């Protein structure tokens, strides 16, 4: 399915344990989490697979990091608005 255009919610088998759909295949989601790799180098973590990654990474729980995302951006990383009541 890589490179295909599918409608929202069209793959219900990919629903997360919390009932959320469509977490992989569009863009990875930038999180507020950071991982430090020696000294002051911070890797900003993003989750989920994006269209720019290999198919084996198209999972809601995929985790990766980049130290430049907040400064230069990336068209394959976005964010999801969420609210905690």
PDB file of N, CA and C in Angstrom:
ATOM      1  N   UNK A   1       0.800  -1.210   0.000  1.00  0.00           N
ATOM      2  CA  UNK A   1       0.000   0.000   0.000  1.00  0.00           C
ATOM      3  C   UNK A   1       0.840   1.270   0.000  1.00  0.00           C
ATOM      4  N   UNK A   2       2.150   1.162   0.080  1.00  0.00           N
ATOM      5  CA  UNK A   2       2.985   2.357   0.086  1.00  0.00           C
ATOM      6  C   UNK A   2       2.770   3.119  -1.208  1.00  0.00           C
ATOM      7  N   UNK A   3       2.558   4.414  -1.095  1.00  0.00           N
ATOM      8  CA  UNK A   3       2.337   5.246  -2.259  1.00  0.00           C
ATOM      9  C   UNK A   3       0.880   5.330  -2.691  1.00  0.00           C
ATOM     10  N   UNK A   4       0.015   4.552  -2.052  1.00  0.00           N
ATOM     11  CA  UNK A   4      -1.405   4.581  -2.394  1.00  0.00           C
ATOM     12  C   UNK A   4      -2.119   5.657  -1.604  1.00  0.00           C
ATOM     13  N   UNK A   5      -3.222   6.122  -2.114  1.00  0.00           N
ATOM     14  CA  UNK A   5      -4.046   7.089  -1.415  1.00  0.00           C
ATOM     15  C   UNK A   5      -5.295   6.376  -0.923  1.00  0.00           C
ATOM     16  N   UNK A   6      -5.494   6.367   0.376  1.00  0.00           N
ATOM     17  CA  UNK A   6      -6.637   5.691   0.980  1.00  0.00           C
ATOM     18  C   UNK A   6      -7.470   6.679   1.778  1.00  0.00           C
ATOM     19  N   UNK A   7      -8.728   6.402   1.903  1.00  0.00           N
ATOM     20  CA  UNK A   7      -9.621   7.249   2.678  1.00  0.00           C
ATOM     21  C   UNK A   7      -9.398   7.103   4.178  1.00  0.00           C
ATOM     22  N   UNK A   8      -9.763   8.122   4.924  1.00  0.00           N
ATOM     23  CA  UNK A   8      -9.636   8.107   6.374  1.00  0.00           C
ATOM     24  C   UNK A   8     -10.417   6.931   6.951  1.00  0.00           C
ATOM     25  N   UNK A   9      -9.781   6.175   7.832  1.00  0.00           N
ATOM     26  CA  UNK A   9     -10.433   5.052   8.503  1.00  0.00           C
ATOM     27  C   UNK A   9     -10.666   3.835   7.627  1.00  0.00           C
ATOM     28  N   UNK A  10     -10.039   3.778   6.461  1.00  0.00           N
ATOM     29  CA  UNK A  10     -10.305   2.671   5.534  1.00  0.00           C
ATOM     30  C   UNK A  10      -9.549   1.390   5.879  1.00  0.00           C
ATOM     31  N   UNK A  11      -8.679   1.428   6.893  1.00  0.00           N
ATOM     32  CA  UNK A  11      -7.953   0.235   7.324  1.00  0.00           C
ATOM     33  C   UNK A  11      -8.226  -0.037   8.804  1.00  0.00           C
ATOM     34  N   UNK A  12      -9.421  -0.488   9.145  1.00  0.00           N
ATOM     35  CA  UNK A  12      -9.769  -0.680  10.550  1.00  0.00           C
ATOM     36  C   UNK A  12      -8.911  -1.718  11.264  1.00  0.00           C
ATOM     37  N   UNK A  13      -8.248  -2.605  10.529  1.00  0.00           N
ATOM     38  CA  UNK A  13      -7.371  -3.588  11.166  1.00  0.00           C
ATOM     39  C   UNK A  13      -6.169  -2.910  11.822  1.00  0.00           C
ATOM     40  N   UNK A  14      -5.880  -1.666  11.458  1.00  0.00           N
ATOM     41  CA  UNK A  14      -4.764  -0.938  12.043  1.00  0.00           C
ATOM     42  C   UNK A  14      -5.132  -0.094  13.241  1.00  0.00           C
ATOM     43  N   UNK A  15      -6.318  -0.275  13.783  1.00  0.00           N
ATOM     44  CA  UNK A  15      -6.771   0.487  14.944  1.00  0.00           C
ATOM     45  C   UNK A  15      -5.877   0.197  16.142  1.00  0.00           C
ATOM     46  N   UNK A  16      -5.463   1.235  16.867  1.00  0.00           N
ATOM     47  CA  UNK A  16      -4.612   1.045  18.044  1.00  0.00           C
ATOM     48  C   UNK A  16      -5.426   0.457  19.187  1.00  0.00           C
ATOM     49  N   UNK A  17      -4.737   0.071  20.251  1.00  0.00           N
ATOM     50  CA  UNK A  17      -5.421  -0.499  21.417  1.00  0.00           C
ATOM     51  C   UNK A  17      -6.340   0.525  22.082  1.00  0.00           C
ATOM     52  N   UNK A  18      -6.133   1.813  21.804  1.00  0.00           N
ATOM     53  CA  UNK A  18      -6.983   2.871  22.362  1.00  0.00           C
ATOM     54  C   UNK A  18      -8.099   3.260  21.407  1.00  0.00           C
ATOM     55  N   UNK A  19      -8.194   2.574  20.253  1.00  0.00           N
ATOM     56  CA  UNK A  19      -9.247   2.850  19.299  1.00  0.00           C
ATOM     57  C   UNK A  19      -8.946   3.954  18.304  1.00  0.00           C
ATOM     58  N   UNK A  20      -7.678   4.369  18.197  1.00  0.00           N
ATOM     59  CA  UNK A  20      -7.302   5.446  17.292  1.00  0.00           C
ATOM     60  C   UNK A  20      -6.922   4.866  15.938  1.00  0.00           C
ATOM     61  N   UNK A  21      -7.417   5.494  14.882  1.00  0.00           N
ATOM     62  CA  UNK A  21      -7.124   5.062  13.512  1.00  0.00           C
ATOM     63  C   UNK A  21      -6.092   5.968  12.850  1.00  0.00           C
ATOM     64  N   UNK A  22      -5.500   5.466  11.787  1.00  0.00           N
ATOM     65  CA  UNK A  22      -4.666   6.257  10.874  1.00  0.00           C
ATOM     66  C   UNK A  22      -3.424   6.869  11.531  1.00  0.00           C
ATOM     67  N   UNK A  23      -2.750   6.096  12.363  1.00  0.00           N
ATOM     68  CA  UNK A  23      -1.544   6.603  13.011  1.00  0.00           C
ATOM     69  C   UNK A  23      -0.282   6.407  12.182  1.00  0.00           C
ATOM     70  N   UNK A  24      -0.349   5.648  11.131  1.00  0.00           N
ATOM     71  CA  UNK A  24       0.856   5.397  10.334  1.00  0.00           C
ATOM     72  C   UNK A  24       0.557   5.596   8.857  1.00  0.00           C
ATOM     73  N   UNK A  25       1.556   6.035   8.124  1.00  0.00           N
ATOM     74  CA  UNK A  25       1.444   6.151   6.680  1.00  0.00           C
ATOM     75  C   UNK A  25       1.279   7.556   6.160  1.00  0.00           C
ATOM     76  N   UNK A  26       0.899   8.478   6.979  1.00  0.00           N
ATOM     77  CA  UNK A  26       0.771   9.864   6.544  1.00  0.00           C
ATOM     78  C   UNK A  26       2.061  10.577   6.926  1.00  0.00           C
ATOM     79  N   UNK A  27       2.119  11.111   8.102  1.00  0.00           N
ATOM     80  CA  UNK A  27       3.354  11.698   8.612  1.00  0.00           C
ATOM     81  C   UNK A  27       3.618  11.120   9.993  1.00  0.00           C
ATOM     82  N   UNK A  28       4.866  11.091  10.386  1.00  0.00           N
ATOM     83  CA  UNK A  28       5.206  10.722  11.759  1.00  0.00           C
ATOM     84  C   UNK A  28       4.772  11.885  12.647  1.00  0.00           C
ATOM     85  N   UNK A  29       4.532  11.611  13.909  1.00  0.00           N
ATOM     86  CA  UNK A  29       4.049  12.659  14.811  1.00  0.00           C
ATOM     87  C   UNK A  29       5.130  13.077  15.783  1.00  0.00           C
ATOM     88  N   UNK A  30       5.454  14.356  15.724  1.00  0.00           N
ATOM     89  CA  UNK A  30       6.443  14.927  16.626  1.00  0.00           C
ATOM     90  C   UNK A  30       5.873  14.892  18.027  1.00  0.00           C
ATOM     91  N   UNK A  31       6.671  14.476  19.008  1.00  0.00           N
ATOM     92  CA  UNK A  31       6.210  14.425  20.396  1.00  0.00           C
ATOM     93  C   UNK A  31       7.001  15.419  21.237  1.00  0.00           C
ATOM     94  N   UNK A  32       6.564  15.623  22.453  1.00  0.00           N
ATOM     95  CA  UNK A  32       7.279  16.503  23.374  1.00  0.00           C
ATOM     96  C   UNK A  32       8.429  15.766  24.046  1.00  0.00           C
ATOM     97  N   UNK A  33       8.561  14.472  23.806  1.00  0.00           N
ATOM     98  CA  UNK A  33       9.618  13.670  24.421  1.00  0.00           C
ATOM     99  C   UNK A  33      10.962  13.962  23.775  1.00  0.00           C
ATOM    100  N   UNK A  34      12.004  13.936  24.602  1.00  0.00           N
ATOM    101  CA  UNK A  34      13.356  14.097  24.094  1.00  0.00           C
ATOM    102  C   UNK A  34      14.243  13.016  24.695  1.00  0.00           C
ATOM    103  N   UNK A  35      15.248  12.646  23.945  1.00  0.00           N
ATOM    104  CA  UNK A  35      16.221  11.674  24.411  1.00  0.00           C
ATOM    105  C   UNK A  35      17.584  12.336  24.292  1.00  0.00           C
ATOM    106  N   UNK A  36      18.373  12.249  25.344  1.00  0.00           N
ATOM    107  CA  UNK A  36      19.680  12.904  25.332  1.00  0.00           C
ATOM    108  C   UNK A  36      20.768  11.894  25.021  1.00  0.00           C
ATOM    109  N   UNK A  37      21.647  12.254  24.101  1.00  0.00           N
ATOM    110  CA  UNK A  37      22.721  11.376  23.658  1.00  0.00           C
ATOM    111  C   UNK A  37      24.062  12.015  23.987  1.00  0.00           C
ATOM    112  N   UNK A  38      24.421  11.996  25.229  1.00  0.00           N
ATOM    113  CA  UNK A  38      25.706  12.552  25.642  1.00  0.00           C
ATOM    114  C   UNK A  38      25.748  14.066  25.540  1.00  0.00           C
ATOM    115  N   UNK A  39      26.297  14.700  26.531  1.00  0.00           N
ATOM    116  CA  UNK A  39      26.376  16.154  26.533  1.00  0.00           C
ATOM    117  C   UNK A  39      24.997  16.780  26.503  1.00  0.00           C
ATOM    118  N   UNK A  40      24.848  17.812  25.691  1.00  0.00           N
ATOM    119  CA  UNK A  40      23.562  18.512  25.622  1.00  0.00           C
ATOM    120  C   UNK A  40      22.817  18.230  24.316  1.00  0.00           C
ATOM    121  N   UNK A  41      23.274  17.255  23.525  1.00  0.00           N
ATOM    122  CA  UNK A  41      22.583  16.909  22.271  1.00  0.00           C
ATOM    123  C   UNK A  41      21.257  16.239  22.567  1.00  0.00           C
ATOM    124  N   UNK A  42      20.183  16.876  22.156  1.00  0.00           N
ATOM    125  CA  UNK A  42      18.842  16.331  22.401  1.00  0.00           C
ATOM    126  C   UNK A  42      18.240  15.849  21.097  1.00  0.00           C
ATOM    127  N   UNK A  43      17.731  14.655  21.108  1.00  0.00           N
ATOM    128  CA  UNK A  43      17.013  14.123  19.962  1.00  0.00           C
ATOM    129  C   UNK A  43      15.534  14.257  20.237  1.00  0.00           C
ATOM    130  N   UNK A  44      14.822  14.974  19.400  1.00  0.00           N
ATOM    131  CA  UNK A  44      13.388  15.147  19.539  1.00  0.00           C
ATOM    132  C   UNK A  44      12.719  13.933  18.914  1.00  0.00           C
ATOM    133  N   UNK A  45      11.895  13.268  19.670  1.00  0.00           N
ATOM    134  CA  UNK A  45      11.331  11.997  19.239  1.00  0.00           C
ATOM    135  C   UNK A  45      10.056  12.172  18.440  1.00  0.00           C
ATOM    136  N   UNK A  46       9.892  11.327  17.452  1.00  0.00           N
ATOM    137  CA  UNK A  46       8.647  11.284  16.697  1.00  0.00           C
ATOM    138  C   UNK A  46       8.204   9.838  16.591  1.00  0.00           C
ATOM    139  N   UNK A  47       6.897   9.662  16.583  1.00  0.00           N
ATOM    140  CA  UNK A  47       6.299   8.324  16.592  1.00  0.00           C
ATOM    141  C   UNK A  47       5.432   8.111  15.364  1.00  0.00           C
ATOM    142  N   UNK A  48       5.250   6.838  15.054  1.00  0.00           N
ATOM    143  CA  UNK A  48       4.412   6.475  13.913  1.00  0.00           C
ATOM    144  C   UNK A  48       5.213   6.512  12.625  1.00  0.00           C
ATOM    145  N   UNK A  49       4.729   5.805  11.639  1.00  0.00           N
ATOM    146  CA  UNK A  49       5.427   5.762  10.360  1.00  0.00           C
ATOM    147  C   UNK A  49       4.936   6.852   9.435  1.00  0.00           C
ATOM    148  N   UNK A  50       5.801   7.312   8.581  1.00  0.00           N
ATOM    149  CA  UNK A  50       5.406   8.316   7.599  1.00  0.00           C
ATOM    150  C   UNK A  50       5.556   7.738   6.200  1.00  0.00           C
ATOM    151  N   UNK A  51       4.994   8.426   5.233  1.00  0.00           N
ATOM    152  CA  UNK A  51       5.093   7.999   3.837  1.00  0.00           C
ATOM    153  C   UNK A  51       6.544   7.965   3.365  1.00  0.00           C
ATOM    154  N   UNK A  52       7.421   8.662   4.064  1.00  0.00           N
ATOM    155  CA  UNK A  52       8.816   8.747   3.650  1.00  0.00           C
ATOM    156  C   UNK A  52       9.670   7.602   4.193  1.00  0.00           C
ATOM    157  N   UNK A  53       9.096   6.735   4.998  1.00  0.00           N
ATOM    158  CA  UNK A  53       9.850   5.631   5.596  1.00  0.00           C
ATOM    159  C   UNK A  53       9.542   4.324   4.882  1.00  0.00           C
ATOM    160  N   UNK A  54      10.401   3.337   5.106  1.00  0.00           N
ATOM    161  CA  UNK A  54      10.182   2.003   4.547  1.00  0.00           C
ATOM    162  C   UNK A  54       8.920   1.394   5.158  1.00  0.00           C
ATOM    163  N   UNK A  55       8.284   0.512   4.434  1.00  0.00           N
ATOM    164  CA  UNK A  55       7.016  -0.071   4.871  1.00  0.00           C
ATOM    165  C   UNK A  55       7.118  -0.741   6.234  1.00  0.00           C
ATOM    166  N   UNK A  56       8.270  -1.324   6.553  1.00  0.00           N
ATOM    167  CA  UNK A  56       8.399  -2.018   7.841  1.00  0.00           C
ATOM    168  C   UNK A  56       8.302  -1.069   9.035  1.00  0.00           C
ATOM    169  N   UNK A  57       8.420   0.251   8.806  1.00  0.00           N
ATOM    170  CA  UNK A  57       8.296   1.231   9.874  1.00  0.00           C
ATOM    171  C   UNK A  57       6.894   1.835   9.974  1.00  0.00           C
ATOM    172  N   UNK A  58       5.959   1.388   9.146  1.00  0.00           N
ATOM    173  CA  UNK A  58       4.612   1.962   9.159  1.00  0.00           C
ATOM    174  C   UNK A  58       3.775   1.344  10.269  1.00  0.00           C
ATOM    175  N   UNK A  59       4.139   1.699  11.493  1.00  0.00           N
ATOM    176  CA  UNK A  59       3.453   1.200  12.688  1.00  0.00           C
ATOM    177  C   UNK A  59       3.211   2.368  13.633  1.00  0.00           C
ATOM    178  N   UNK A  60       2.121   2.321  14.355  1.00  0.00           N
ATOM    179  CA  UNK A  60       1.809   3.396  15.298  1.00  0.00           C
ATOM    180  C   UNK A  60       2.878   3.524  16.370  1.00  0.00           C
ATOM    181  N   UNK A  61       3.527   2.432  16.733  1.00  0.00           N
ATOM    182  CA  UNK A  61       4.499   2.473  17.827  1.00  0.00           C
ATOM    183  C   UNK A  61       5.939   2.667  17.350  1.00  0.00           C
ATOM    184  N   UNK A  62       6.141   2.928  16.061  1.00  0.00           N
ATOM    185  CA  UNK A  62       7.494   3.202  15.560  1.00  0.00           C
ATOM    186  C   UNK A  62       8.029   4.448  16.266  1.00  0.00           C
ATOM    187  N   UNK A  63       9.305   4.428  16.621  1.00  0.00           N
ATOM    188  CA  UNK A  63       9.914   5.541  17.351  1.00  0.00           C
ATOM    189  C   UNK A  63      11.244   5.887  16.702  1.00  0.00           C
ATOM    190  N   UNK A  64      11.475   7.167  16.487  1.00  0.00           N
ATOM    191  CA  UNK A  64      12.719   7.626  15.893  1.00  0.00           C
ATOM    192  C   UNK A  64      13.022   9.011  16.460  1.00  0.00           C
ATOM    193  N   UNK A  65      14.180   9.532  16.200  1.00  0.00           N
ATOM    194  CA  UNK A  65      14.530  10.841  16.727  1.00  0.00           C
ATOM    195  C   UNK A  65      15.375  11.636  15.757  1.00  0.00           C
ATOM    196  N   UNK A  66      15.380  12.936  15.943  1.00  0.00           N
ATOM    197  CA  UNK A  66      16.150  13.831  15.097  1.00  0.00           C
ATOM    198  C   UNK A  66      16.473  15.056  15.925  1.00  0.00           C
ATOM    199  N   UNK A  67      17.686  15.554  15.806  1.00  0.00           N
ATOM    200  CA  UNK A  67      18.054  16.720  16.612  1.00  0.00           C
ATOM    201  C   UNK A  67      17.739  18.048  15.943  1.00  0.00           C
ATOM    202  N   UNK A  68      17.318  18.033  14.687  1.00  0.00           N
ATOM    203  CA  UNK A  68      17.107  19.288  13.965  1.00  0.00           C
ATOM    204  C   UNK A  68      15.647  19.643  13.716  1.00  0.00           C
ATOM    205  N   UNK A  69      14.716  18.737  13.962  1.00  0.00           N
ATOM    206  CA  UNK A  69      13.305  18.959  13.606  1.00  0.00           C
ATOM    207  C   UNK A  69      12.760  20.313  14.072  1.00  0.00           C
ATOM    208  N   UNK A  70      12.961  20.720  15.330  1.00  0.00           N
ATOM    209  CA  UNK A  70      12.367  22.004  15.742  1.00  0.00           C
ATOM    210  C   UNK A  70      12.963  23.213  15.026  1.00  0.00           C
ATOM    211  N   UNK A  71      14.121  23.051  14.433  1.00  0.00           N
ATOM    212  CA  UNK A  71      14.809  24.186  13.838  1.00  0.00           C
ATOM    213  C   UNK A  71      14.634  24.286  12.321  1.00  0.00           C
ATOM    214  N   UNK A  72      14.551  23.160  11.652  1.00  0.00           N
ATOM    215  CA  UNK A  72      14.442  23.186  10.194  1.00  0.00           C
ATOM    216  C   UNK A  72      13.139  22.597   9.673  1.00  0.00           C
ATOM    217  N   UNK A  73      12.445  21.820  10.504  1.00  0.00           N
ATOM    218  CA  UNK A  73      11.192  21.198  10.090  1.00  0.00           C
ATOM    219  C   UNK A  73      11.418  20.049   9.130  1.00  0.00           C
ATOM    220  N   UNK A  74      10.369  19.352   8.837  1.00  0.00           N
ATOM    221  CA  UNK A  74      10.418  18.243   7.889  1.00  0.00           C
ATOM    222  C   UNK A  74       9.003  18.010   7.398  1.00  0.00           C
ATOM    223  N   UNK A  75       8.835  17.862   6.098  1.00  0.00           N
ATOM    224  CA  UNK A  75       7.481  17.706   5.559  1.00  0.00           C
ATOM    225  C   UNK A  75       6.882  16.343   5.879  1.00  0.00           C
ATOM    226  N   UNK A  76       7.666  15.408   6.390  1.00  0.00           N
ATOM    227  CA  UNK A  76       7.175  14.077   6.735  1.00  0.00           C
ATOM    228  C   UNK A  76       6.915  13.924   8.231  1.00  0.00           C
ATOM    229  N   UNK A  77       7.011  15.033   8.982  1.00  0.00           N
ATOM    230  CA  UNK A  77       6.701  15.006  10.418  1.00  0.00           C
ATOM    231  C   UNK A  77       5.663  16.073  10.706  1.00  0.00           C
ATOM    232  N   UNK A  78       4.614  15.692  11.394  1.00  0.00           N
ATOM    233  CA  UNK A  78       3.562  16.620  11.777  1.00  0.00           C
ATOM    234  C   UNK A  78       3.274  16.487  13.261  1.00  0.00           C
ATOM    235  N   UNK A  79       2.116  16.920  13.684  1.00  0.00           N
ATOM    236  CA  UNK A  79       1.722  16.751  15.077  1.00  0.00           C
ATOM    237  C   UNK A  79       0.230  16.487  15.137  1.00  0.00           C
ATOM    238  N   UNK A  80      -0.181  15.885  16.218  1.00  0.00           N
ATOM    239  CA  UNK A  80      -1.587  15.560  16.429  1.00  0.00           C
ATOM    240  C   UNK A  80      -2.062  16.351  17.633  1.00  0.00           C
ATOM    241  N   UNK A  81      -3.133  17.073  17.462  1.00  0.00           N
ATOM    242  CA  UNK A  81      -3.709  17.808  18.581  1.00  0.00           C
ATOM    243  C   UNK A  81      -4.444  16.828  19.486  1.00  0.00           C
ATOM    244  N   UNK A  82      -4.231  16.954  20.764  1.00  0.00           N
ATOM    245  CA  UNK A  82      -4.885  16.059  21.716  1.00  0.00           C
ATOM    246  C   UNK A  82      -5.283  16.870  22.942  1.00  0.00           C
ATOM    247  N   UNK A  83      -6.282  16.406  23.619  1.00  0.00           N
ATOM    248  CA  UNK A  83      -6.755  17.091  24.827  1.00  0.00           C
ATOM    249  C   UNK A  83      -6.956  16.063  25.915  1.00  0.00           C
ATOM    250  N   UNK A  84      -6.510  16.401  27.108  1.00  0.00           N
ATOM    251  CA  UNK A  84      -6.685  15.519  28.253  1.00  0.00           C
ATOM    252  C   UNK A  84      -7.719  16.167  29.172  1.00  0.00           C
ATOM    253  N   UNK A  85      -8.874  15.525  29.260  1.00  0.00           N
ATOM    254  CA  UNK A  85      -9.938  16.106  30.098  1.00  0.00           C
ATOM    255  C   UNK A  85      -9.709  15.789  31.514  1.00  0.00           C
TER     256      UNK A  85
END
